[in-house]
Amino acid sequence: MPQDGPKFPAIAVCPRDSFSVVQAMAGLEAASPRGLESGYFERLYIVDSNGDRWRVARVETTSARPKGPFGKLIGVQLFLSPPDRPLLAEVADDLCQLVDADRDDLYDQFVTHEELKLLFRSAPTIERLIAVAANLGEDP
């Protein structure tokens, strides 16, 4: 049976930028002007709780003007391509690359970069990988 969209929670991964765990598409429906201009959404993909990867096919701005922590943002609607099924190791490797590029130490809040990468690589399931990403390695 075809799926209508990602099953949440999910990991939103933007190669060469960042990752986050999102609980719904609404968590991805706002952008800064810089985010729109940078190609962030063109690189973004979502790996859902089923292990499916959804790539952003196109982005359209909306009339919404959500408030972010630093002011008003631009509302966006994401249109996703049909999902494919990456290997769990491939997703873990993408997350590890982002941890390696973490100049601001954003991802070492609870464990070191090396410990976090080990947790990503040793996650036996997508559910566990999402949990590790959500808590940055801290035991919930």
C-alpha atoms as a PDB file:
ATOM      1  CA  MET A   1       0.000   0.000   0.000  1.00  0.00           C
ATOM      2  CA  PRO A   2       1.531   3.382  -0.987  1.00  0.00           C
ATOM      3  CA  GLN A   3       2.359   5.780   1.797  1.00  0.00           C
ATOM      4  CA  ASP A   4       1.113   9.384   1.756  1.00  0.00           C
ATOM      5  CA  GLY A   5       4.214  10.800   3.357  1.00  0.00           C
ATOM      6  CA  PRO A   6       6.898  10.254   5.955  1.00  0.00           C
ATOM      7  CA  LYS A   7       6.129   8.446   9.208  1.00  0.00           C
ATOM      8  CA  PHE A   8       7.281  10.508  12.173  1.00  0.00           C
ATOM      9  CA  PRO A   9       9.444  10.942  14.120  1.00  0.00           C
ATOM     10  CA  ALA A  10      12.021  11.301  11.399  1.00  0.00           C
ATOM     11  CA  ILE A  11      15.540  12.617  10.873  1.00  0.00           C
ATOM     12  CA  ALA A  12      15.856  15.618   8.562  1.00  0.00           C
ATOM     13  CA  VAL A  13      19.340  15.560   7.031  1.00  0.00           C
ATOM     14  CA  CYS A  14      20.888  18.348   5.003  1.00  0.00           C
ATOM     15  CA  PRO A  15      24.311  17.258   3.753  1.00  0.00           C
ATOM     16  CA  ARG A  16      27.035  19.843   4.364  1.00  0.00           C
ATOM     17  CA  ASP A  17      24.753  21.607   6.852  1.00  0.00           C
ATOM     18  CA  SER A  18      22.910  19.889   9.705  1.00  0.00           C
ATOM     19  CA  PHE A  19      20.484  17.278  10.934  1.00  0.00           C
ATOM     20  CA  SER A  20      17.518  17.409  13.282  1.00  0.00           C
ATOM     21  CA  VAL A  21      14.771  15.122  14.468  1.00  0.00           C
ATOM     22  CA  VAL A  22      11.310  16.305  13.520  1.00  0.00           C
ATOM     23  CA  GLN A  23       7.973  15.123  14.869  1.00  0.00           C
ATOM     24  CA  ALA A  24       5.832  16.310  11.926  1.00  0.00           C
ATOM     25  CA  MET A  25       6.116  18.052   8.561  1.00  0.00           C
ATOM     26  CA  ALA A  26       5.177  21.267  10.360  1.00  0.00           C
ATOM     27  CA  GLY A  27       8.707  21.221  11.818  1.00  0.00           C
ATOM     28  CA  LEU A  28      10.031  21.809   8.298  1.00  0.00           C
ATOM     29  CA  GLU A  29       7.585  24.465   7.109  1.00  0.00           C
ATOM     30  CA  ALA A  30       9.596  27.576   7.939  1.00  0.00           C
ATOM     31  CA  ALA A  31      12.813  29.016   6.570  1.00  0.00           C
ATOM     32  CA  SER A  32      14.988  32.054   6.860  1.00  0.00           C
ATOM     33  CA  PRO A  33      15.739  34.020   3.702  1.00  0.00           C
ATOM     34  CA  ARG A  34      19.321  32.725   3.921  1.00  0.00           C
ATOM     35  CA  GLY A  35      18.086  29.138   4.215  1.00  0.00           C
ATOM     36  CA  LEU A  36      16.054  29.524   1.047  1.00  0.00           C
ATOM     37  CA  GLU A  37      18.927  31.108  -0.874  1.00  0.00           C
ATOM     38  CA  SER A  38      21.550  28.611   0.302  1.00  0.00           C
ATOM     39  CA  GLY A  39      20.044  25.533  -1.336  1.00  0.00           C
ATOM     40  CA  TYR A  40      19.279  23.982   2.053  1.00  0.00           C
ATOM     41  CA  PHE A  41      15.962  22.534   0.929  1.00  0.00           C
ATOM     42  CA  GLU A  42      17.383  21.243  -2.356  1.00  0.00           C
ATOM     43  CA  ARG A  43      19.844  19.111  -0.353  1.00  0.00           C
ATOM     44  CA  LEU A  44      17.395  18.136   2.414  1.00  0.00           C
ATOM     45  CA  TYR A  45      16.078  14.626   2.818  1.00  0.00           C
ATOM     46  CA  ILE A  46      13.969  12.981   5.496  1.00  0.00           C
ATOM     47  CA  VAL A  47      14.507   9.455   6.801  1.00  0.00           C
ATOM     48  CA  ASP A  48      11.322   8.349   8.501  1.00  0.00           C
ATOM     49  CA  SER A  49      10.489   5.798  11.178  1.00  0.00           C
ATOM     50  CA  ASN A  50       9.874   3.170   8.499  1.00  0.00           C
ATOM     51  CA  GLY A  51      13.407   3.630   7.138  1.00  0.00           C
ATOM     52  CA  ASP A  52      12.197   5.347   3.968  1.00  0.00           C
ATOM     53  CA  ARG A  53      14.129   8.333   2.578  1.00  0.00           C
ATOM     54  CA  TRP A  54      12.082  11.194   1.160  1.00  0.00           C
ATOM     55  CA  ARG A  55      13.958  13.802  -0.883  1.00  0.00           C
ATOM     56  CA  VAL A  56      12.635  17.297  -1.407  1.00  0.00           C
ATOM     57  CA  ALA A  57      11.525  17.592  -5.030  1.00  0.00           C
ATOM     58  CA  ARG A  58      10.521  21.236  -4.808  1.00  0.00           C
ATOM     59  CA  VAL A  59       9.874  24.018  -2.335  1.00  0.00           C
ATOM     60  CA  GLU A  60       7.257  26.723  -2.549  1.00  0.00           C
ATOM     61  CA  THR A  61       6.913  29.710  -0.268  1.00  0.00           C
ATOM     62  CA  THR A  62       3.574  30.277   1.427  1.00  0.00           C
ATOM     63  CA  SER A  63       1.892  33.327   2.905  1.00  0.00           C
ATOM     64  CA  ALA A  64       2.654  32.082   6.438  1.00  0.00           C
ATOM     65  CA  ARG A  65       5.151  34.137   8.411  1.00  0.00           C
ATOM     66  CA  PRO A  66       6.049  31.937  11.382  1.00  0.00           C
ATOM     67  CA  LYS A  67       7.979  33.434  14.246  1.00  0.00           C
ATOM     68  CA  GLY A  68      11.355  31.855  14.896  1.00  0.00           C
ATOM     69  CA  PRO A  69      13.784  32.430  17.761  1.00  0.00           C
ATOM     70  CA  PHE A  70      15.403  35.308  15.851  1.00  0.00           C
ATOM     71  CA  GLY A  71      12.382  36.900  14.203  1.00  0.00           C
ATOM     72  CA  LYS A  72       9.919  36.210  11.446  1.00  0.00           C
ATOM     73  CA  LEU A  73      10.565  33.419   9.009  1.00  0.00           C
ATOM     74  CA  ILE A  74       9.163  32.538   5.609  1.00  0.00           C
ATOM     75  CA  GLY A  75       6.562  29.801   5.352  1.00  0.00           C
ATOM     76  CA  VAL A  76       7.430  26.984   2.977  1.00  0.00           C
ATOM     77  CA  GLN A  77       5.689  23.918   1.654  1.00  0.00           C
ATOM     78  CA  LEU A  78       7.841  20.933   0.754  1.00  0.00           C
ATOM     79  CA  PHE A  79       6.917  18.568  -2.051  1.00  0.00           C
ATOM     80  CA  LEU A  80       8.611  15.206  -1.661  1.00  0.00           C
ATOM     81  CA  SER A  81       9.740  12.676  -4.248  1.00  0.00           C
ATOM     82  CA  PRO A  82       8.603   9.076  -3.850  1.00  0.00           C
ATOM     83  CA  PRO A  83      10.677   7.382  -1.155  1.00  0.00           C
ATOM     84  CA  ASP A  84      13.625   5.102  -1.620  1.00  0.00           C
ATOM     85  CA  ARG A  85      15.148   2.800   0.983  1.00  0.00           C
ATOM     86  CA  PRO A  86      18.718   3.667   2.019  1.00  0.00           C
ATOM     87  CA  LEU A  87      20.877   1.323   4.028  1.00  0.00           C
ATOM     88  CA  LEU A  88      20.943   2.193   7.730  1.00  0.00           C
ATOM     89  CA  ALA A  89      24.738   2.455   7.478  1.00  0.00           C
ATOM     90  CA  GLU A  90      24.396   5.056   4.714  1.00  0.00           C
ATOM     91  CA  VAL A  91      22.226   7.278   6.904  1.00  0.00           C
ATOM     92  CA  ALA A  92      24.588   6.791   9.863  1.00  0.00           C
ATOM     93  CA  ASP A  93      27.540   7.764   7.640  1.00  0.00           C
ATOM     94  CA  ASP A  94      25.771  10.962   6.541  1.00  0.00           C
ATOM     95  CA  LEU A  95      25.146  11.853  10.194  1.00  0.00           C
ATOM     96  CA  CYS A  96      28.779  11.103  11.067  1.00  0.00           C
ATOM     97  CA  GLN A  97      29.980  13.416   8.296  1.00  0.00           C
ATOM     98  CA  LEU A  98      27.889  16.205   9.802  1.00  0.00           C
ATOM     99  CA  VAL A  99      29.329  15.511  13.260  1.00  0.00           C
ATOM    100  CA  ASP A 100      32.855  15.644  11.779  1.00  0.00           C
ATOM    101  CA  ALA A 101      32.065  19.057  10.263  1.00  0.00           C
ATOM    102  CA  ASP A 102      30.623  20.398  13.547  1.00  0.00           C
ATOM    103  CA  ARG A 103      32.804  23.469  14.052  1.00  0.00           C
ATOM    104  CA  ASP A 104      30.558  24.924  16.758  1.00  0.00           C
ATOM    105  CA  ASP A 105      30.403  21.781  18.912  1.00  0.00           C
ATOM    106  CA  LEU A 106      26.643  21.701  18.532  1.00  0.00           C
ATOM    107  CA  TYR A 107      26.551  17.912  18.482  1.00  0.00           C
ATOM    108  CA  ASP A 108      28.760  17.217  21.513  1.00  0.00           C
ATOM    109  CA  GLN A 109      26.379  18.384  24.202  1.00  0.00           C
ATOM    110  CA  PHE A 110      26.290  15.069  26.103  1.00  0.00           C
ATOM    111  CA  VAL A 111      28.938  12.816  24.557  1.00  0.00           C
ATOM    112  CA  THR A 112      32.034  13.466  22.477  1.00  0.00           C
ATOM    113  CA  HIS A 113      31.882  13.543  18.702  1.00  0.00           C
ATOM    114  CA  GLU A 114      33.589  10.152  18.561  1.00  0.00           C
ATOM    115  CA  GLU A 115      31.111   8.613  21.016  1.00  0.00           C
ATOM    116  CA  LEU A 116      28.158  10.025  19.084  1.00  0.00           C
ATOM    117  CA  LYS A 117      29.482   8.646  15.800  1.00  0.00           C
ATOM    118  CA  LEU A 118      29.952   5.237  17.424  1.00  0.00           C
ATOM    119  CA  LEU A 119      26.334   5.351  18.658  1.00  0.00           C
ATOM    120  CA  PHE A 120      25.119   6.252  15.149  1.00  0.00           C
ATOM    121  CA  ARG A 121      27.130   3.469  13.524  1.00  0.00           C
ATOM    122  CA  SER A 122      26.068   0.859  16.075  1.00  0.00           C
ATOM    123  CA  ALA A 123      22.337   1.653  15.997  1.00  0.00           C
ATOM    124  CA  PRO A 124      20.633  -1.645  15.065  1.00  0.00           C
ATOM    125  CA  THR A 125      17.409  -0.045  13.795  1.00  0.00           C
ATOM    126  CA  ILE A 126      16.157   3.213  12.332  1.00  0.00           C
ATOM    127  CA  GLU A 127      14.135   3.772  15.501  1.00  0.00           C
ATOM    128  CA  ARG A 128      17.309   3.617  17.597  1.00  0.00           C
ATOM    129  CA  LEU A 129      19.176   5.873  15.161  1.00  0.00           C
ATOM    130  CA  ILE A 130      16.389   8.455  15.432  1.00  0.00           C
ATOM    131  CA  ALA A 131      16.478   8.229  19.239  1.00  0.00           C
ATOM    132  CA  VAL A 132      20.248   8.735  19.329  1.00  0.00           C
ATOM    133  CA  ALA A 133      19.963  11.725  16.969  1.00  0.00           C
ATOM    134  CA  ALA A 134      17.116  13.220  19.012  1.00  0.00           C
ATOM    135  CA  ASN A 135      19.059  13.020  22.264  1.00  0.00           C
ATOM    136  CA  LEU A 136      22.561  13.567  20.823  1.00  0.00           C
ATOM    137  CA  GLY A 137      23.659  10.368  22.522  1.00  0.00           C
ATOM    138  CA  GLU A 138      22.277  11.139  25.972  1.00  0.00           C
ATOM    139  CA  ASP A 139      20.279   8.309  27.513  1.00  0.00           C
ATOM    140  CA  PRO A 140      16.629   9.370  27.577  1.00  0.00           C
END
